[in-house]
Amino acid sequence: MTRIRYKSFLPVLIFFIALNGLFISGKSLLEQWGADQQVLIIGNLILFMITFVSFVLAVRGLKNPNPHVFMRSVFSSIIIKLFLCIIVVFAYIASFQKQLNKPALFTCMGLYLVYTFLEVSALTRLLKQNTNG
């Protein structure tokens, strides 16, 4: 049963791998756009890891027969994800004030939305399959 739950996370994993492949192979295109390749790769990795932790928290709540536990776990995982991303962004801005790469930063902000959408889609599929509620 647990493997089936984590199979729904597969689109997020595929997106992560494909995006890193694009970032690695498209270095010259990224340079034309003014985006730093390292910032994008590290940002993508951080977003993937935070999304995975958020997904695991929500899946744990889904296992509980009480629907309120699931809702609390989803909301708490989204809040944790948001605050962790904010902390990482502020750390990046504080560390690289003069060399801040705005195109890469804004791209990572867009990736945050994509990862959140993919996570919510996977959780919605799991909720439809749930036999507890």
N, C-alpha and C. Protein backbone atom coordinates (compact mmCIF):
# COMPACT_ATOMS: atom_id res chain seq x y z
N MET A 1 0.82 -1.20 0.00
CA MET A 1 0.00 0.00 0.00
C MET A 1 0.86 1.26 0.00
N THR A 2 1.98 1.24 0.73
CA THR A 2 2.85 2.40 0.79
C THR A 2 3.51 2.67 -0.56
N ARG A 3 3.89 1.62 -1.27
CA ARG A 3 4.52 1.82 -2.59
C ARG A 3 3.54 2.49 -3.54
N ILE A 4 2.29 2.09 -3.46
CA ILE A 4 1.28 2.69 -4.34
C ILE A 4 1.16 4.18 -4.04
N ARG A 5 1.20 4.54 -2.79
CA ARG A 5 1.09 5.95 -2.41
C ARG A 5 2.26 6.75 -2.97
N TYR A 6 3.45 6.20 -2.88
CA TYR A 6 4.61 6.95 -3.34
C TYR A 6 4.80 6.89 -4.85
N LYS A 7 4.10 5.98 -5.52
CA LYS A 7 4.12 5.99 -6.98
C LYS A 7 3.47 7.25 -7.53
N SER A 8 2.55 7.82 -6.78
CA SER A 8 1.90 9.04 -7.23
C SER A 8 2.86 10.23 -7.19
N PHE A 9 3.99 10.09 -6.52
CA PHE A 9 5.01 11.14 -6.48
C PHE A 9 5.93 11.07 -7.70
N LEU A 10 5.78 10.05 -8.50
CA LEU A 10 6.63 9.83 -9.67
C LEU A 10 6.65 11.02 -10.65
N PRO A 11 5.51 11.67 -10.95
CA PRO A 11 5.58 12.83 -11.86
C PRO A 11 6.48 13.95 -11.33
N VAL A 12 6.51 14.13 -10.02
CA VAL A 12 7.38 15.15 -9.43
C VAL A 12 8.84 14.76 -9.63
N LEU A 13 9.15 13.50 -9.42
CA LEU A 13 10.52 13.00 -9.63
C LEU A 13 10.95 13.15 -11.09
N ILE A 14 10.06 12.80 -12.01
CA ILE A 14 10.37 12.92 -13.43
C ILE A 14 10.59 14.39 -13.81
N PHE A 15 9.75 15.28 -13.26
CA PHE A 15 9.90 16.71 -13.52
C PHE A 15 11.25 17.20 -13.01
N PHE A 16 11.64 16.77 -11.82
CA PHE A 16 12.92 17.17 -11.23
C PHE A 16 14.09 16.72 -12.11
N ILE A 17 14.07 15.46 -12.53
CA ILE A 17 15.16 14.92 -13.35
C ILE A 17 15.22 15.62 -14.71
N ALA A 18 14.07 15.81 -15.33
CA ALA A 18 14.02 16.46 -16.65
C ALA A 18 14.50 17.91 -16.56
N LEU A 19 14.09 18.60 -15.51
CA LEU A 19 14.49 19.99 -15.35
C LEU A 19 15.99 20.12 -15.11
N ASN A 20 16.55 19.24 -14.29
CA ASN A 20 18.00 19.27 -14.09
C ASN A 20 18.73 18.95 -15.38
N GLY A 21 18.20 18.02 -16.16
CA GLY A 21 18.80 17.72 -17.46
C GLY A 21 18.78 18.93 -18.38
N LEU A 22 17.67 19.65 -18.37
CA LEU A 22 17.59 20.87 -19.19
C LEU A 22 18.56 21.94 -18.69
N PHE A 23 18.65 22.08 -17.38
CA PHE A 23 19.56 23.09 -16.83
C PHE A 23 21.02 22.76 -17.14
N ILE A 24 21.36 21.49 -17.10
CA ILE A 24 22.74 21.09 -17.38
C ILE A 24 23.06 21.20 -18.87
N SER A 25 22.15 20.73 -19.71
CA SER A 25 22.43 20.75 -21.15
C SER A 25 22.22 22.12 -21.79
N GLY A 26 21.44 22.98 -21.16
CA GLY A 26 21.14 24.28 -21.76
C GLY A 26 21.89 25.43 -21.14
N LYS A 27 23.14 25.19 -20.77
CA LYS A 27 23.93 26.23 -20.10
C LYS A 27 24.09 27.48 -20.96
N SER A 28 24.34 27.31 -22.24
CA SER A 28 24.53 28.49 -23.11
C SER A 28 23.24 29.30 -23.24
N LEU A 29 22.12 28.61 -23.32
CA LEU A 29 20.83 29.31 -23.40
C LEU A 29 20.53 30.04 -22.10
N LEU A 30 20.85 29.42 -20.99
CA LEU A 30 20.65 30.07 -19.69
C LEU A 30 21.52 31.32 -19.57
N GLU A 31 22.75 31.23 -20.08
CA GLU A 31 23.64 32.40 -20.04
C GLU A 31 23.10 33.53 -20.91
N GLN A 32 22.48 33.19 -22.05
CA GLN A 32 21.87 34.22 -22.89
C GLN A 32 20.74 34.94 -22.16
N TRP A 33 19.99 34.19 -21.37
CA TRP A 33 18.88 34.77 -20.61
C TRP A 33 19.35 35.47 -19.34
N GLY A 34 20.62 35.28 -19.00
CA GLY A 34 21.17 35.90 -17.80
C GLY A 34 20.92 35.11 -16.53
N ALA A 35 20.52 33.85 -16.65
CA ALA A 35 20.23 33.02 -15.48
C ALA A 35 21.46 32.20 -15.11
N ASP A 36 21.74 32.12 -13.84
CA ASP A 36 22.88 31.35 -13.34
C ASP A 36 22.50 29.88 -13.23
N GLN A 37 23.28 29.03 -13.89
CA GLN A 37 22.98 27.59 -13.92
C GLN A 37 23.04 26.98 -12.53
N GLN A 38 24.03 27.34 -11.74
CA GLN A 38 24.17 26.76 -10.41
C GLN A 38 23.00 27.12 -9.50
N VAL A 39 22.56 28.35 -9.57
CA VAL A 39 21.42 28.77 -8.74
C VAL A 39 20.18 27.97 -9.12
N LEU A 40 19.98 27.75 -10.41
CA LEU A 40 18.81 26.99 -10.85
C LEU A 40 18.87 25.53 -10.43
N ILE A 41 20.03 24.93 -10.55
CA ILE A 41 20.17 23.51 -10.17
C ILE A 41 20.00 23.35 -8.66
N ILE A 42 20.64 24.19 -7.88
CA ILE A 42 20.53 24.10 -6.43
C ILE A 42 19.10 24.45 -5.99
N GLY A 43 18.52 25.46 -6.59
CA GLY A 43 17.14 25.82 -6.27
C GLY A 43 16.16 24.70 -6.60
N ASN A 44 16.38 24.04 -7.73
CA ASN A 44 15.52 22.92 -8.11
C ASN A 44 15.68 21.77 -7.12
N LEU A 45 16.90 21.50 -6.69
CA LEU A 45 17.15 20.44 -5.71
C LEU A 45 16.47 20.75 -4.38
N ILE A 46 16.59 21.98 -3.92
CA ILE A 46 15.97 22.37 -2.65
C ILE A 46 14.45 22.27 -2.74
N LEU A 47 13.89 22.75 -3.84
CA LEU A 47 12.44 22.67 -4.02
C LEU A 47 11.97 21.22 -4.07
N PHE A 48 12.72 20.36 -4.72
CA PHE A 48 12.34 18.95 -4.77
C PHE A 48 12.37 18.32 -3.38
N MET A 49 13.43 18.59 -2.63
CA MET A 49 13.53 17.99 -1.29
C MET A 49 12.42 18.50 -0.37
N ILE A 50 12.14 19.79 -0.42
CA ILE A 50 11.08 20.35 0.42
C ILE A 50 9.73 19.79 0.00
N THR A 51 9.52 19.64 -1.30
CA THR A 51 8.26 19.08 -1.78
C THR A 51 8.10 17.64 -1.33
N PHE A 52 9.18 16.87 -1.34
CA PHE A 52 9.11 15.48 -0.90
C PHE A 52 8.74 15.40 0.58
N VAL A 53 9.37 16.21 1.41
CA VAL A 53 9.05 16.22 2.83
C VAL A 53 7.60 16.63 3.06
N SER A 54 7.15 17.62 2.33
CA SER A 54 5.77 18.08 2.42
C SER A 54 4.80 16.97 2.01
N PHE A 55 5.14 16.26 0.95
CA PHE A 55 4.30 15.16 0.46
C PHE A 55 4.22 14.04 1.49
N VAL A 56 5.34 13.70 2.10
CA VAL A 56 5.36 12.63 3.10
C VAL A 56 4.48 13.01 4.29
N LEU A 57 4.55 14.26 4.73
CA LEU A 57 3.70 14.70 5.84
C LEU A 57 2.22 14.58 5.49
N ALA A 58 1.87 14.96 4.28
CA ALA A 58 0.47 14.89 3.86
C ALA A 58 0.00 13.44 3.72
N VAL A 59 0.85 12.56 3.22
CA VAL A 59 0.48 11.15 3.07
C VAL A 59 0.28 10.50 4.44
N ARG A 60 1.09 10.89 5.41
CA ARG A 60 0.89 10.37 6.78
C ARG A 60 -0.48 10.76 7.31
N GLY A 61 -0.91 11.98 7.02
CA GLY A 61 -2.23 12.42 7.44
C GLY A 61 -3.34 11.69 6.71
N LEU A 62 -3.07 11.29 5.48
CA LEU A 62 -4.06 10.58 4.68
C LEU A 62 -4.34 9.19 5.24
N LYS A 63 -3.37 8.61 5.89
CA LYS A 63 -3.53 7.27 6.46
C LYS A 63 -4.50 7.26 7.64
N ASN A 64 -4.69 8.39 8.27
CA ASN A 64 -5.58 8.48 9.43
C ASN A 64 -7.04 8.50 8.96
N PRO A 65 -7.93 7.76 9.63
CA PRO A 65 -9.33 7.74 9.21
C PRO A 65 -10.07 9.05 9.45
N ASN A 66 -9.55 9.91 10.31
CA ASN A 66 -10.18 11.20 10.59
C ASN A 66 -9.81 12.19 9.48
N PRO A 67 -10.79 12.73 8.73
CA PRO A 67 -10.46 13.65 7.63
C PRO A 67 -9.84 14.96 8.11
N HIS A 68 -10.11 15.34 9.36
CA HIS A 68 -9.52 16.57 9.89
C HIS A 68 -8.00 16.45 10.03
N VAL A 69 -7.54 15.25 10.35
CA VAL A 69 -6.10 15.02 10.46
C VAL A 69 -5.44 15.23 9.10
N PHE A 70 -6.08 14.73 8.05
CA PHE A 70 -5.54 14.92 6.70
C PHE A 70 -5.48 16.40 6.35
N MET A 71 -6.55 17.12 6.63
CA MET A 71 -6.56 18.55 6.29
C MET A 71 -5.49 19.31 7.07
N ARG A 72 -5.35 18.98 8.34
CA ARG A 72 -4.31 19.64 9.14
C ARG A 72 -2.92 19.31 8.61
N SER A 73 -2.71 18.07 8.22
CA SER A 73 -1.39 17.69 7.71
C SER A 73 -1.09 18.37 6.38
N VAL A 74 -2.10 18.50 5.52
CA VAL A 74 -1.89 19.19 4.24
C VAL A 74 -1.59 20.66 4.46
N PHE A 75 -2.38 21.31 5.32
CA PHE A 75 -2.13 22.73 5.58
C PHE A 75 -0.78 22.95 6.25
N SER A 76 -0.43 22.10 7.21
CA SER A 76 0.86 22.27 7.87
C SER A 76 2.01 21.99 6.91
N SER A 77 1.86 21.02 6.02
CA SER A 77 2.93 20.74 5.07
C SER A 77 3.11 21.90 4.09
N ILE A 78 2.01 22.52 3.68
CA ILE A 78 2.11 23.68 2.78
C ILE A 78 2.75 24.86 3.48
N ILE A 79 2.40 25.08 4.74
CA ILE A 79 2.99 26.19 5.49
C ILE A 79 4.47 25.95 5.73
N ILE A 80 4.83 24.72 6.09
CA ILE A 80 6.25 24.39 6.30
C ILE A 80 7.02 24.60 5.00
N LYS A 81 6.45 24.15 3.89
CA LYS A 81 7.10 24.31 2.59
C LYS A 81 7.30 25.79 2.27
N LEU A 82 6.28 26.59 2.48
CA LEU A 82 6.36 28.02 2.20
C LEU A 82 7.43 28.69 3.06
N PHE A 83 7.43 28.42 4.36
CA PHE A 83 8.40 29.06 5.24
C PHE A 83 9.83 28.59 4.97
N LEU A 84 10.01 27.32 4.68
CA LEU A 84 11.36 26.85 4.34
C LEU A 84 11.87 27.52 3.07
N CYS A 85 11.00 27.68 2.08
CA CYS A 85 11.40 28.36 0.84
C CYS A 85 11.73 29.83 1.10
N ILE A 86 10.95 30.47 1.95
CA ILE A 86 11.22 31.87 2.28
C ILE A 86 12.57 32.00 2.99
N ILE A 87 12.86 31.08 3.90
CA ILE A 87 14.14 31.11 4.62
C ILE A 87 15.30 30.92 3.64
N VAL A 88 15.16 29.99 2.70
CA VAL A 88 16.22 29.76 1.71
C VAL A 88 16.42 31.00 0.83
N VAL A 89 15.32 31.62 0.42
CA VAL A 89 15.43 32.82 -0.43
C VAL A 89 16.11 33.95 0.33
N PHE A 90 15.71 34.17 1.58
CA PHE A 90 16.35 35.23 2.35
C PHE A 90 17.82 34.93 2.61
N ALA A 91 18.17 33.68 2.82
CA ALA A 91 19.58 33.31 2.99
C ALA A 91 20.37 33.58 1.70
N TYR A 92 19.77 33.26 0.56
CA TYR A 92 20.42 33.53 -0.73
C TYR A 92 20.61 35.03 -0.94
N ILE A 93 19.57 35.79 -0.66
CA ILE A 93 19.65 37.24 -0.84
C ILE A 93 20.68 37.85 0.10
N ALA A 94 20.70 37.39 1.35
CA ALA A 94 21.66 37.92 2.31
C ALA A 94 23.10 37.55 1.94
N SER A 95 23.29 36.38 1.37
CA SER A 95 24.64 35.92 1.04
C SER A 95 25.19 36.56 -0.23
N PHE A 96 24.32 36.79 -1.21
CA PHE A 96 24.76 37.27 -2.52
C PHE A 96 24.09 38.59 -2.88
N GLN A 97 24.16 39.56 -2.00
CA GLN A 97 23.49 40.84 -2.24
C GLN A 97 23.92 41.49 -3.55
N LYS A 98 25.22 41.56 -3.76
CA LYS A 98 25.74 42.23 -4.95
C LYS A 98 25.65 41.35 -6.19
N GLN A 99 25.79 40.03 -6.04
CA GLN A 99 25.80 39.12 -7.18
C GLN A 99 24.49 38.37 -7.32
N LEU A 100 23.41 38.93 -6.81
CA LEU A 100 22.10 38.30 -6.86
C LEU A 100 21.68 38.10 -8.32
N ASN A 101 21.27 36.89 -8.66
CA ASN A 101 20.85 36.57 -10.02
C ASN A 101 19.32 36.55 -10.07
N LYS A 102 18.75 37.68 -10.47
CA LYS A 102 17.28 37.81 -10.46
C LYS A 102 16.57 36.87 -11.42
N PRO A 103 17.06 36.65 -12.65
CA PRO A 103 16.36 35.70 -13.53
C PRO A 103 16.26 34.30 -12.94
N ALA A 104 17.33 33.83 -12.32
CA ALA A 104 17.31 32.50 -11.71
C ALA A 104 16.39 32.48 -10.49
N LEU A 105 16.40 33.55 -9.71
CA LEU A 105 15.55 33.62 -8.53
C LEU A 105 14.07 33.61 -8.92
N PHE A 106 13.71 34.37 -9.94
CA PHE A 106 12.32 34.39 -10.39
C PHE A 106 11.91 33.07 -11.04
N THR A 107 12.86 32.41 -11.69
CA THR A 107 12.58 31.09 -12.25
C THR A 107 12.29 30.10 -11.13
N CYS A 108 13.08 30.17 -10.06
CA CYS A 108 12.85 29.29 -8.92
C CYS A 108 11.50 29.58 -8.26
N MET A 109 11.09 30.84 -8.26
CA MET A 109 9.77 31.16 -7.72
C MET A 109 8.66 30.53 -8.56
N GLY A 110 8.85 30.54 -9.86
CA GLY A 110 7.90 29.86 -10.74
C GLY A 110 7.92 28.35 -10.53
N LEU A 111 9.11 27.80 -10.31
CA LEU A 111 9.22 26.37 -10.05
C LEU A 111 8.52 25.99 -8.75
N TYR A 112 8.53 26.88 -7.77
CA TYR A 112 7.81 26.63 -6.52
C TYR A 112 6.32 26.39 -6.83
N LEU A 113 5.76 27.20 -7.69
CA LEU A 113 4.35 27.03 -8.05
C LEU A 113 4.11 25.72 -8.79
N VAL A 114 5.02 25.36 -9.68
CA VAL A 114 4.86 24.10 -10.42
C VAL A 114 4.97 22.90 -9.48
N TYR A 115 5.95 22.91 -8.60
CA TYR A 115 6.09 21.81 -7.64
C TYR A 115 4.87 21.72 -6.73
N THR A 116 4.34 22.85 -6.30
CA THR A 116 3.14 22.84 -5.46
C THR A 116 1.96 22.27 -6.22
N PHE A 117 1.80 22.66 -7.47
CA PHE A 117 0.71 22.12 -8.28
C PHE A 117 0.84 20.61 -8.46
N LEU A 118 2.05 20.14 -8.76
CA LEU A 118 2.27 18.69 -8.92
C LEU A 118 2.00 17.93 -7.63
N GLU A 119 2.41 18.51 -6.51
CA GLU A 119 2.17 17.85 -5.22
C GLU A 119 0.68 17.77 -4.90
N VAL A 120 -0.03 18.86 -5.11
CA VAL A 120 -1.47 18.86 -4.84
C VAL A 120 -2.19 17.90 -5.78
N SER A 121 -1.76 17.82 -7.02
CA SER A 121 -2.36 16.86 -7.96
C SER A 121 -2.17 15.43 -7.49
N ALA A 122 -0.97 15.11 -7.02
CA ALA A 122 -0.70 13.76 -6.53
C ALA A 122 -1.53 13.47 -5.28
N LEU A 123 -1.64 14.45 -4.40
CA LEU A 123 -2.43 14.24 -3.18
C LEU A 123 -3.92 14.10 -3.51
N THR A 124 -4.39 14.81 -4.50
CA THR A 124 -5.79 14.69 -4.91
C THR A 124 -6.07 13.30 -5.45
N ARG A 125 -5.16 12.77 -6.24
CA ARG A 125 -5.32 11.39 -6.74
C ARG A 125 -5.34 10.39 -5.59
N LEU A 126 -4.47 10.59 -4.62
CA LEU A 126 -4.44 9.69 -3.47
C LEU A 126 -5.71 9.80 -2.64
N LEU A 127 -6.23 11.01 -2.52
CA LEU A 127 -7.46 11.21 -1.75
C LEU A 127 -8.64 10.51 -2.40
N LYS A 128 -8.68 10.50 -3.73
CA LYS A 128 -9.75 9.80 -4.45
C LYS A 128 -9.65 8.29 -4.27
N GLN A 129 -8.44 7.78 -4.11
CA GLN A 129 -8.23 6.35 -3.92
C GLN A 129 -8.35 5.91 -2.46
N ASN A 130 -8.42 6.88 -1.55
CA ASN A 130 -8.40 6.59 -0.12
C ASN A 130 -9.63 5.79 0.30
N THR A 131 -9.40 4.74 1.07
CA THR A 131 -10.50 3.92 1.57
C THR A 131 -10.88 4.27 2.98
N ASN A 132 -10.13 5.18 3.63
CA ASN A 132 -10.44 5.58 5.00
C ASN A 132 -11.66 6.46 5.10
N GLY A 133 -11.84 7.35 4.12
CA GLY A 133 -12.91 8.33 4.26
C GLY A 133 -13.95 8.12 3.30
